[in-house]
Each structure stands twice: as structure tokens, then as C-alpha cells.
């Protein structure tokens, strides 16, 4: 039997339980975003004296914190768009997952930089690897000779900074340019496995929607509905509220922790973030 998809997201009817679950997670998202805006965003320019962040700023080693803040900003930007859609509707079947994957990617990469167990040298090494990866990606876009020379100079500069801070340059072979600093750069699937409760499975699930893969629809074969043609059935594409709410909650757990870690690196006690969330709720 063949299958086709239903294309009417506005006709979705939610149960009372689904409405309550979505309202609960949307409320938490709102509180986190309010607390981010009022307390985390301003802290980038005002770390407390003698905090890890302040000392890095003074030593002109801002890289990990600049990158981590950009990732935090990107995550909240995607999460804020999710909240706007949840508030206004209708609920799309695919695109909320795409936004959630983008937020999750930013969050796991941010966690890799703000991990409180790292030494500042390890944190800098990871930041330099991130910058190296960005240069490599940019070189795939800017392919002219002048750009090639410029980016080679930027990579050499990164390696000079690594050497100056006692960080080892890793190479695939002795003649190749550095591939990472301090430790091999982890893939996104690895980072999801390390830092997100649902692990790399969540990444692959979200990626299925992002890339419009057929399997994300076919997995709902049990919900198939009859078609006028007996050889065809309808497959639903409406949002699976319990699944989406569960994955969103997991990503919010990571965003919550990252904000707390960030403020800790800026020298603020852990209860500052907890109180910020409570204050935002009011």
C-alpha cells in the first residue's frame, strides 16, 4: 500500500493533556528567556573582579567567552522563535524541530566551552579549535587566491596563540596544517551524546525533520488514515506534542545549566541564576 501525507497543520486538535503539557513547557521557556535577557546578557560586559572570565579578559584571552556567548545568544534566538510560534499558532509539523535542532547544536557547543571542570588552558584550546573549524568552513566559500592566503595567515596566527599558551597543535600528518588544538575536535553527534540527556539519538531525530527525511513521516504508519483510493493511505504530519515537548524540555535543561555555568564563570554565585528565574516568573 502506498502512503501520502496530510497537509493541513491548522486542523490539528490537541487533547487537554497536550494543551497542558505544551502550556507548561512554554511557560518555562518564557521564564528562562526573561531571566536570560535581564541577567545573563548584561553579564558579558560585567564579570566580577577576579572571576575566571575577568582574568581571561585582562589577559586578552577572551576567545572562549566570546564564542560561548555567541552560542548562548544563538540558542535563545531560536528558542524565542519557538515560543512565538507556540503563542500564536498554528503549530507546524516540521519547522519547530528544525529550530530546536539549531538551538540544541548551539547549546552543546556552548557547554563544551563553559564546562566548569576545564582549566582555562583547556577552555582556550577548545575555543581555538572552534575558530579553526570556522576558518575551514569559510575557506569553502571564499575560494579565490587572496582569500586562501588570508586564511592561511589566520590559521598560522591561531597556532602561534596555541604555542604561546602551551597548547599542542594536532595534525593529521606532519606536513598538514593543524586540525585541532589540545584535543581532537568533537563532532556534533558526540557533543549531543555528552551533554544532552537524549544523546545523539535526539540529534538524529531532530535532523530527520530538518532534512525533510521520509522516515519521520513513515514512522507514523500506525496512525495512517484511509484514502479514497484503497491502495493509498494518509499519514499525518501534525506536531506530535508529547514528543516535541519532551525534546524541548531536554534542550531547556541544557540552556538552563549553561546560563548558570556562564554566570559562575563571571563570578556570580549559583543562587543568582536560580533567583533570576524566580524573579522572571513574576
C-alpha atoms as a PDB file:
ATOM      1  CA  UNK A   1       0.000   0.000   0.000  1.00  0.00           C
ATOM      2  CA  UNK A   2       1.245   3.471  -0.878  1.00  0.00           C
ATOM      3  CA  UNK A   3       1.164   6.432   1.507  1.00  0.00           C
ATOM      4  CA  UNK A   4       0.704  10.146   1.114  1.00  0.00           C
ATOM      5  CA  UNK A   5       0.947  12.944   3.659  1.00  0.00           C
ATOM      6  CA  UNK A   6      -1.774  15.133   5.098  1.00  0.00           C
ATOM      7  CA  UNK A   7      -1.085  18.832   4.598  1.00  0.00           C
ATOM      8  CA  UNK A   8      -3.423  20.619   6.999  1.00  0.00           C
ATOM      9  CA  UNK A   9      -1.487  21.656  10.136  1.00  0.00           C
ATOM     10  CA  UNK A  10      -4.175  24.176  11.108  1.00  0.00           C
ATOM     11  CA  UNK A  11      -6.718  21.365  11.609  1.00  0.00           C
ATOM     12  CA  UNK A  12      -4.737  19.800  14.460  1.00  0.00           C
ATOM     13  CA  UNK A  13      -6.823  19.098  17.551  1.00  0.00           C
ATOM     14  CA  UNK A  14      -4.996  18.726  20.865  1.00  0.00           C
ATOM     15  CA  UNK A  15      -6.194  16.850  23.901  1.00  0.00           C
ATOM     16  CA  UNK A  16      -6.486  18.605  27.254  1.00  0.00           C
ATOM     17  CA  UNK A  17      -3.363  16.790  28.374  1.00  0.00           C
ATOM     18  CA  UNK A  18      -1.432  18.006  25.328  1.00  0.00           C
ATOM     19  CA  UNK A  19      -2.596  21.576  25.846  1.00  0.00           C
ATOM     20  CA  UNK A  20      -1.480  21.435  29.483  1.00  0.00           C
ATOM     21  CA  UNK A  21       1.910  19.928  28.594  1.00  0.00           C
ATOM     22  CA  UNK A  22       2.601  22.497  25.901  1.00  0.00           C
ATOM     23  CA  UNK A  23       1.499  25.322  28.187  1.00  0.00           C
ATOM     24  CA  UNK A  24       3.822  24.064  30.921  1.00  0.00           C
ATOM     25  CA  UNK A  25       6.917  23.891  28.728  1.00  0.00           C
ATOM     26  CA  UNK A  26       6.100  27.225  27.059  1.00  0.00           C
ATOM     27  CA  UNK A  27       5.826  28.849  30.488  1.00  0.00           C
ATOM     28  CA  UNK A  28       9.221  27.522  31.479  1.00  0.00           C
ATOM     29  CA  UNK A  29      10.706  28.717  28.206  1.00  0.00           C
ATOM     30  CA  UNK A  30       9.301  32.203  28.801  1.00  0.00           C
ATOM     31  CA  UNK A  31      10.813  32.358  32.296  1.00  0.00           C
ATOM     32  CA  UNK A  32      14.219  31.239  31.067  1.00  0.00           C
ATOM     33  CA  UNK A  33      14.255  33.771  28.247  1.00  0.00           C
ATOM     34  CA  UNK A  34      13.209  36.578  30.587  1.00  0.00           C
ATOM     35  CA  UNK A  35      15.955  35.642  33.033  1.00  0.00           C
ATOM     36  CA  UNK A  36      18.491  35.420  30.193  1.00  0.00           C
ATOM     37  CA  UNK A  37      17.632  38.895  28.967  1.00  0.00           C
ATOM     38  CA  UNK A  38      17.701  40.522  32.407  1.00  0.00           C
ATOM     39  CA  UNK A  39      20.699  38.786  33.966  1.00  0.00           C
ATOM     40  CA  UNK A  40      22.839  36.743  31.569  1.00  0.00           C
ATOM     41  CA  UNK A  41      23.051  39.050  28.546  1.00  0.00           C
ATOM     42  CA  UNK A  42      24.321  42.069  30.553  1.00  0.00           C
ATOM     43  CA  UNK A  43      26.973  39.967  32.331  1.00  0.00           C
ATOM     44  CA  UNK A  44      29.109  39.619  29.199  1.00  0.00           C
ATOM     45  CA  UNK A  45      30.462  43.125  29.808  1.00  0.00           C
ATOM     46  CA  UNK A  46      30.470  42.997  33.599  1.00  0.00           C
ATOM     47  CA  UNK A  47      32.196  39.903  35.017  1.00  0.00           C
ATOM     48  CA  UNK A  48      33.042  40.267  38.682  1.00  0.00           C
ATOM     49  CA  UNK A  49      36.685  41.089  39.559  1.00  0.00           C
ATOM     50  CA  UNK A  50      38.988  38.071  39.836  1.00  0.00           C
ATOM     51  CA  UNK A  51      36.486  35.708  38.201  1.00  0.00           C
ATOM     52  CA  UNK A  52      37.727  33.304  35.545  1.00  0.00           C
ATOM     53  CA  UNK A  53      36.079  35.462  32.903  1.00  0.00           C
ATOM     54  CA  UNK A  54      37.541  38.714  34.225  1.00  0.00           C
ATOM     55  CA  UNK A  55      41.040  37.236  34.391  1.00  0.00           C
ATOM     56  CA  UNK A  56      40.707  35.962  30.812  1.00  0.00           C
ATOM     57  CA  UNK A  57      39.605  39.406  29.658  1.00  0.00           C
ATOM     58  CA  UNK A  58      42.594  41.013  31.388  1.00  0.00           C
ATOM     59  CA  UNK A  59      44.981  38.540  29.744  1.00  0.00           C
ATOM     60  CA  UNK A  60      43.442  39.203  26.291  1.00  0.00           C
ATOM     61  CA  UNK A  61      42.196  35.601  26.171  1.00  0.00           C
ATOM     62  CA  UNK A  62      38.523  36.315  25.596  1.00  0.00           C
ATOM     63  CA  UNK A  63      38.073  33.715  22.853  1.00  0.00           C
ATOM     64  CA  UNK A  64      36.201  31.022  24.821  1.00  0.00           C
ATOM     65  CA  UNK A  65      33.830  33.532  26.361  1.00  0.00           C
ATOM     66  CA  UNK A  66      33.128  35.413  23.139  1.00  0.00           C
ATOM     67  CA  UNK A  67      32.344  32.162  21.384  1.00  0.00           C
ATOM     68  CA  UNK A  68      30.266  30.769  24.251  1.00  0.00           C
ATOM     69  CA  UNK A  69      28.201  33.946  24.485  1.00  0.00           C
ATOM     70  CA  UNK A  70      27.536  33.929  20.741  1.00  0.00           C
ATOM     71  CA  UNK A  71      26.306  30.343  21.066  1.00  0.00           C
ATOM     72  CA  UNK A  72      24.103  31.240  24.027  1.00  0.00           C
ATOM     73  CA  UNK A  73      22.689  34.133  22.039  1.00  0.00           C
ATOM     74  CA  UNK A  74      22.015  31.901  19.034  1.00  0.00           C
ATOM     75  CA  UNK A  75      20.288  29.313  21.218  1.00  0.00           C
ATOM     76  CA  UNK A  76      17.979  31.840  22.856  1.00  0.00           C
ATOM     77  CA  UNK A  77      17.221  33.376  19.467  1.00  0.00           C
ATOM     78  CA  UNK A  78      15.935  30.057  18.113  1.00  0.00           C
ATOM     79  CA  UNK A  79      14.140  29.258  21.366  1.00  0.00           C
ATOM     80  CA  UNK A  80      12.454  32.673  21.314  1.00  0.00           C
ATOM     81  CA  UNK A  81      11.122  31.954  17.831  1.00  0.00           C
ATOM     82  CA  UNK A  82       9.733  28.640  19.067  1.00  0.00           C
ATOM     83  CA  UNK A  83       7.963  30.493  21.870  1.00  0.00           C
ATOM     84  CA  UNK A  84       6.452  32.989  19.404  1.00  0.00           C
ATOM     85  CA  UNK A  85       5.018  30.136  17.325  1.00  0.00           C
ATOM     86  CA  UNK A  86       3.675  28.333  20.401  1.00  0.00           C
ATOM     87  CA  UNK A  87       1.910  31.524  21.460  1.00  0.00           C
ATOM     88  CA  UNK A  88       0.381  32.457  18.111  1.00  0.00           C
ATOM     89  CA  UNK A  89      -0.061  29.150  16.267  1.00  0.00           C
ATOM     90  CA  UNK A  90      -0.838  27.290  14.132  1.00  0.00           C
ATOM     91  CA  UNK A  91       1.626  24.580  15.140  1.00  0.00           C
ATOM     92  CA  UNK A  92       3.761  23.456  12.170  1.00  0.00           C
ATOM     93  CA  UNK A  93       4.702  19.830  11.767  1.00  0.00           C
ATOM     94  CA  UNK A  94       8.377  20.146  10.813  1.00  0.00           C
ATOM     95  CA  UNK A  95       9.865  23.599  11.390  1.00  0.00           C
ATOM     96  CA  UNK A  96       9.706  23.657  15.205  1.00  0.00           C
ATOM     97  CA  UNK A  97      12.012  20.657  15.212  1.00  0.00           C
ATOM     98  CA  UNK A  98      14.395  22.484  12.872  1.00  0.00           C
ATOM     99  CA  UNK A  99      14.527  25.455  15.254  1.00  0.00           C
ATOM    100  CA  UNK A 100      15.022  23.082  18.160  1.00  0.00           C
ATOM    101  CA  UNK A 101      17.926  21.328  16.472  1.00  0.00           C
ATOM    102  CA  UNK A 102      19.619  24.682  15.827  1.00  0.00           C
ATOM    103  CA  UNK A 103      19.167  25.629  19.487  1.00  0.00           C
ATOM    104  CA  UNK A 104      20.455  22.235  20.598  1.00  0.00           C
ATOM    105  CA  UNK A 105      23.552  22.488  18.403  1.00  0.00           C
ATOM    106  CA  UNK A 106      24.402  25.883  19.860  1.00  0.00           C
ATOM    107  CA  UNK A 107      23.827  24.605  23.392  1.00  0.00           C
ATOM    108  CA  UNK A 108      26.041  21.517  23.189  1.00  0.00           C
ATOM    109  CA  UNK A 109      28.844  23.533  21.605  1.00  0.00           C
ATOM    110  CA  UNK A 110      28.434  26.176  24.306  1.00  0.00           C
ATOM    111  CA  UNK A 111      28.594  23.535  27.055  1.00  0.00           C
ATOM    112  CA  UNK A 112      31.840  22.248  25.588  1.00  0.00           C
ATOM    113  CA  UNK A 113      33.315  25.699  26.244  1.00  0.00           C
ATOM    114  CA  UNK A 114      31.751  26.631  29.601  1.00  0.00           C
ATOM    115  CA  UNK A 115      32.252  23.267  31.334  1.00  0.00           C
ATOM    116  CA  UNK A 116      33.289  24.189  34.879  1.00  0.00           C
ATOM    117  CA  UNK A 117      35.680  21.215  35.079  1.00  0.00           C
ATOM    118  CA  UNK A 118      38.001  22.705  32.458  1.00  0.00           C
ATOM    119  CA  UNK A 119      41.214  24.544  33.152  1.00  0.00           C
ATOM    120  CA  UNK A 120      41.485  27.885  31.375  1.00  0.00           C
ATOM    121  CA  UNK A 121      44.146  26.387  29.100  1.00  0.00           C
ATOM    122  CA  UNK A 122      41.787  23.591  28.085  1.00  0.00           C
ATOM    123  CA  UNK A 123      38.996  26.107  27.559  1.00  0.00           C
ATOM    124  CA  UNK A 124      41.219  28.219  25.309  1.00  0.00           C
ATOM    125  CA  UNK A 125      42.304  25.141  23.334  1.00  0.00           C
ATOM    126  CA  UNK A 126      38.682  24.268  22.594  1.00  0.00           C
ATOM    127  CA  UNK A 127      37.980  27.845  21.571  1.00  0.00           C
ATOM    128  CA  UNK A 128      40.937  27.872  19.192  1.00  0.00           C
ATOM    129  CA  UNK A 129      39.694  24.618  17.653  1.00  0.00           C
ATOM    130  CA  UNK A 130      36.292  26.212  17.148  1.00  0.00           C
ATOM    131  CA  UNK A 131      37.869  29.192  15.429  1.00  0.00           C
ATOM    132  CA  UNK A 132      39.947  26.869  13.260  1.00  0.00           C
ATOM    133  CA  UNK A 133      36.828  24.975  12.216  1.00  0.00           C
ATOM    134  CA  UNK A 134      35.113  28.246  11.321  1.00  0.00           C
ATOM    135  CA  UNK A 135      38.072  29.277   9.163  1.00  0.00           C
ATOM    136  CA  UNK A 136      37.969  25.923   7.393  1.00  0.00           C
ATOM    137  CA  UNK A 137      34.268  26.348   6.666  1.00  0.00           C
ATOM    138  CA  UNK A 138      34.760  29.914   5.424  1.00  0.00           C
ATOM    139  CA  UNK A 139      37.526  28.775   3.080  1.00  0.00           C
ATOM    140  CA  UNK A 140      34.959  26.554   1.364  1.00  0.00           C
ATOM    141  CA  UNK A 141      33.049  29.717   0.453  1.00  0.00           C
ATOM    142  CA  UNK A 142      35.910  32.143  -0.248  1.00  0.00           C
ATOM    143  CA  UNK A 143      37.974  30.150  -2.719  1.00  0.00           C
ATOM    144  CA  UNK A 144      39.932  32.888  -4.521  1.00  0.00           C
ATOM    145  CA  UNK A 145      43.728  33.100  -4.182  1.00  0.00           C
ATOM    146  CA  UNK A 146      43.707  36.201  -1.973  1.00  0.00           C
ATOM    147  CA  UNK A 147      41.296  34.581   0.471  1.00  0.00           C
ATOM    148  CA  UNK A 148      43.339  31.398   0.514  1.00  0.00           C
ATOM    149  CA  UNK A 149      46.422  33.366   1.542  1.00  0.00           C
ATOM    150  CA  UNK A 150      44.480  35.355   4.142  1.00  0.00           C
ATOM    151  CA  UNK A 151      43.028  32.269   5.827  1.00  0.00           C
ATOM    152  CA  UNK A 152      46.399  30.535   5.835  1.00  0.00           C
ATOM    153  CA  UNK A 153      47.670  33.549   7.775  1.00  0.00           C
ATOM    154  CA  UNK A 154      44.769  33.309  10.240  1.00  0.00           C
ATOM    155  CA  UNK A 155      45.493  29.624  10.868  1.00  0.00           C
ATOM    156  CA  UNK A 156      49.156  30.438  11.460  1.00  0.00           C
ATOM    157  CA  UNK A 157      48.056  33.105  13.942  1.00  0.00           C
ATOM    158  CA  UNK A 158      45.903  30.579  15.821  1.00  0.00           C
ATOM    159  CA  UNK A 159      48.842  28.204  16.028  1.00  0.00           C
ATOM    160  CA  UNK A 160      51.059  30.995  17.384  1.00  0.00           C
ATOM    161  CA  UNK A 161      48.498  31.678  20.094  1.00  0.00           C
ATOM    162  CA  UNK A 162      48.344  27.982  20.940  1.00  0.00           C
ATOM    163  CA  UNK A 163      52.128  27.732  21.257  1.00  0.00           C
ATOM    164  CA  UNK A 164      52.257  30.884  23.408  1.00  0.00           C
ATOM    165  CA  UNK A 165      49.791  29.307  25.823  1.00  0.00           C
ATOM    166  CA  UNK A 166      51.351  25.842  25.998  1.00  0.00           C
ATOM    167  CA  UNK A 167      48.725  24.167  23.791  1.00  0.00           C
ATOM    168  CA  UNK A 168      49.669  21.371  21.404  1.00  0.00           C
ATOM    169  CA  UNK A 169      48.753  21.623  17.721  1.00  0.00           C
ATOM    170  CA  UNK A 170      47.297  18.391  16.329  1.00  0.00           C
ATOM    171  CA  UNK A 171      47.891  17.375  12.709  1.00  0.00           C
ATOM    172  CA  UNK A 172      46.686  14.541  10.514  1.00  0.00           C
ATOM    173  CA  UNK A 173      50.259  14.235   9.253  1.00  0.00           C
ATOM    174  CA  UNK A 174      53.447  16.259   9.861  1.00  0.00           C
ATOM    175  CA  UNK A 175      53.118  18.212   6.603  1.00  0.00           C
ATOM    176  CA  UNK A 176      49.468  19.228   7.017  1.00  0.00           C
ATOM    177  CA  UNK A 177      48.141  22.332   8.794  1.00  0.00           C
ATOM    178  CA  UNK A 178      46.705  21.888  12.301  1.00  0.00           C
ATOM    179  CA  UNK A 179      43.387  20.067  12.559  1.00  0.00           C
ATOM    180  CA  UNK A 180      42.718  20.957  16.203  1.00  0.00           C
ATOM    181  CA  UNK A 181      44.392  22.237  19.355  1.00  0.00           C
ATOM    182  CA  UNK A 182      44.913  20.336  22.580  1.00  0.00           C
ATOM    183  CA  UNK A 183      42.479  17.516  21.750  1.00  0.00           C
ATOM    184  CA  UNK A 184      40.625  16.306  18.636  1.00  0.00           C
ATOM    185  CA  UNK A 185      37.574  18.414  17.831  1.00  0.00           C
ATOM    186  CA  UNK A 186      34.395  16.502  18.625  1.00  0.00           C
ATOM    187  CA  UNK A 187      31.607  16.025  16.097  1.00  0.00           C
ATOM    188  CA  UNK A 188      28.091  17.251  16.846  1.00  0.00           C
ATOM    189  CA  UNK A 189      26.824  13.722  17.402  1.00  0.00           C
ATOM    190  CA  UNK A 190      29.498  13.264  20.068  1.00  0.00           C
ATOM    191  CA  UNK A 191      28.619  16.559  21.749  1.00  0.00           C
ATOM    192  CA  UNK A 192      24.936  15.678  21.803  1.00  0.00           C
ATOM    193  CA  UNK A 193      25.831  12.330  23.343  1.00  0.00           C
ATOM    194  CA  UNK A 194      27.936  14.019  26.014  1.00  0.00           C
ATOM    195  CA  UNK A 195      25.699  16.903  27.026  1.00  0.00           C
ATOM    196  CA  UNK A 196      22.079  16.158  26.137  1.00  0.00           C
ATOM    197  CA  UNK A 197      20.014  13.628  28.083  1.00  0.00           C
ATOM    198  CA  UNK A 198      18.565  12.049  24.964  1.00  0.00           C
ATOM    199  CA  UNK A 199      22.052  11.940  23.456  1.00  0.00           C
ATOM    200  CA  UNK A 200      22.942  11.502  19.819  1.00  0.00           C
ATOM    201  CA  UNK A 201      19.564   9.828  19.202  1.00  0.00           C
ATOM    202  CA  UNK A 202      17.883  13.192  19.777  1.00  0.00           C
ATOM    203  CA  UNK A 203      20.222  14.799  17.252  1.00  0.00           C
ATOM    204  CA  UNK A 204      19.398  12.216  14.602  1.00  0.00           C
ATOM    205  CA  UNK A 205      15.674  12.539  15.329  1.00  0.00           C
ATOM    206  CA  UNK A 206      15.768  16.338  15.009  1.00  0.00           C
ATOM    207  CA  UNK A 207      17.925  16.062  11.895  1.00  0.00           C
ATOM    208  CA  UNK A 208      15.282  13.878  10.260  1.00  0.00           C
ATOM    209  CA  UNK A 209      12.842  16.792  10.387  1.00  0.00           C
ATOM    210  CA  UNK A 210      15.470  19.374   9.459  1.00  0.00           C
ATOM    211  CA  UNK A 211      16.363  17.452   6.298  1.00  0.00           C
ATOM    212  CA  UNK A 212      12.739  16.526   5.500  1.00  0.00           C
ATOM    213  CA  UNK A 213      13.515  12.818   5.588  1.00  0.00           C
ATOM    214  CA  UNK A 214      10.762  10.417   4.602  1.00  0.00           C
ATOM    215  CA  UNK A 215      11.260   8.233   7.680  1.00  0.00           C
ATOM    216  CA  UNK A 216       9.937  10.930  10.033  1.00  0.00           C
ATOM    217  CA  UNK A 217       6.554  10.525   8.333  1.00  0.00           C
ATOM    218  CA  UNK A 218       6.739   6.787   7.734  1.00  0.00           C
ATOM    219  CA  UNK A 219       7.390   6.173  11.444  1.00  0.00           C
ATOM    220  CA  UNK A 220       3.724   7.137  11.974  1.00  0.00           C
ATOM    221  CA  UNK A 221       2.336   4.257   9.910  1.00  0.00           C
ATOM    222  CA  UNK A 222       0.142   3.166  12.833  1.00  0.00           C
ATOM    223  CA  UNK A 223      -1.716   6.484  12.564  1.00  0.00           C
ATOM    224  CA  UNK A 224      -2.488   6.009   8.870  1.00  0.00           C
ATOM    225  CA  UNK A 225      -5.959   7.039   7.733  1.00  0.00           C
ATOM    226  CA  UNK A 226      -7.923   5.650   4.775  1.00  0.00           C
ATOM    227  CA  UNK A 227      -7.806   7.324   1.359  1.00  0.00           C
ATOM    228  CA  UNK A 228     -10.434   7.256  -1.410  1.00  0.00           C
ATOM    229  CA  UNK A 229      -8.041   5.012  -3.310  1.00  0.00           C
ATOM    230  CA  UNK A 230      -7.894   1.707  -1.385  1.00  0.00           C
ATOM    231  CA  UNK A 231      -4.254   1.305  -2.384  1.00  0.00           C
ATOM    232  CA  UNK A 232      -3.264   4.571  -0.673  1.00  0.00           C
ATOM    233  CA  UNK A 233      -3.384   5.799   2.928  1.00  0.00           C
ATOM    234  CA  UNK A 234      -2.896   9.186   4.577  1.00  0.00           C
ATOM    235  CA  UNK A 235      -0.014   9.677   7.004  1.00  0.00           C
ATOM    236  CA  UNK A 236      -0.244  12.581   9.487  1.00  0.00           C
ATOM    237  CA  UNK A 237       2.351  15.356   9.606  1.00  0.00           C
ATOM    238  CA  UNK A 238       0.917  17.308  12.531  1.00  0.00           C
ATOM    239  CA  UNK A 239       3.134  18.045  15.537  1.00  0.00           C
ATOM    240  CA  UNK A 240       3.487  15.178  18.000  1.00  0.00           C
ATOM    241  CA  UNK A 241       3.041  17.304  21.106  1.00  0.00           C
ATOM    242  CA  UNK A 242       4.312  14.844  23.767  1.00  0.00           C
ATOM    243  CA  UNK A 243       7.480  14.084  21.778  1.00  0.00           C
ATOM    244  CA  UNK A 244       8.175  17.711  20.921  1.00  0.00           C
ATOM    245  CA  UNK A 245       7.553  18.889  24.491  1.00  0.00           C
ATOM    246  CA  UNK A 246       9.891  16.197  25.833  1.00  0.00           C
ATOM    247  CA  UNK A 247      12.770  17.095  23.498  1.00  0.00           C
ATOM    248  CA  UNK A 248      12.210  20.819  24.083  1.00  0.00           C
ATOM    249  CA  UNK A 249      12.369  20.242  27.852  1.00  0.00           C
ATOM    250  CA  UNK A 250      15.682  18.434  27.435  1.00  0.00           C
ATOM    251  CA  UNK A 251      17.169  21.302  25.420  1.00  0.00           C
ATOM    252  CA  UNK A 252      15.855  23.778  28.013  1.00  0.00           C
ATOM    253  CA  UNK A 253      17.629  21.786  30.743  1.00  0.00           C
ATOM    254  CA  UNK A 254      20.882  22.372  28.888  1.00  0.00           C
ATOM    255  CA  UNK A 255      20.154  26.060  28.282  1.00  0.00           C
ATOM    256  CA  UNK A 256      19.320  26.434  31.983  1.00  0.00           C
ATOM    257  CA  UNK A 257      22.615  24.818  33.030  1.00  0.00           C
ATOM    258  CA  UNK A 258      24.663  26.780  30.507  1.00  0.00           C
ATOM    259  CA  UNK A 259      23.304  30.080  31.800  1.00  0.00           C
ATOM    260  CA  UNK A 260      24.199  29.047  35.343  1.00  0.00           C
ATOM    261  CA  UNK A 261      27.681  27.964  34.282  1.00  0.00           C
ATOM    262  CA  UNK A 262      28.184  31.213  32.390  1.00  0.00           C
ATOM    263  CA  UNK A 263      27.262  33.321  35.403  1.00  0.00           C
ATOM    264  CA  UNK A 264      29.521  31.169  37.566  1.00  0.00           C
ATOM    265  CA  UNK A 265      32.463  31.839  35.280  1.00  0.00           C
ATOM    266  CA  UNK A 266      31.595  35.531  35.529  1.00  0.00           C
ATOM    267  CA  UNK A 267      31.940  35.225  39.312  1.00  0.00           C
ATOM    268  CA  UNK A 268      28.296  35.167  40.355  1.00  0.00           C
ATOM    269  CA  UNK A 269      27.064  32.646  42.998  1.00  0.00           C
ATOM    270  CA  UNK A 270      24.826  29.839  41.738  1.00  0.00           C
ATOM    271  CA  UNK A 271      21.772  31.197  43.552  1.00  0.00           C
ATOM    272  CA  UNK A 272      21.885  34.324  41.355  1.00  0.00           C
ATOM    273  CA  UNK A 273      20.578  32.342  38.393  1.00  0.00           C
ATOM    274  CA  UNK A 274      18.038  30.444  40.498  1.00  0.00           C
ATOM    275  CA  UNK A 275      16.686  33.706  41.896  1.00  0.00           C
ATOM    276  CA  UNK A 276      16.734  35.259  38.417  1.00  0.00           C
ATOM    277  CA  UNK A 277      14.389  32.554  37.137  1.00  0.00           C
ATOM    278  CA  UNK A 278      12.038  33.043  40.070  1.00  0.00           C
ATOM    279  CA  UNK A 279      12.054  36.794  39.592  1.00  0.00           C
ATOM    280  CA  UNK A 280      11.368  36.403  35.892  1.00  0.00           C
ATOM    281  CA  UNK A 281       8.330  34.279  36.714  1.00  0.00           C
ATOM    282  CA  UNK A 282       6.737  37.245  38.431  1.00  0.00           C
END
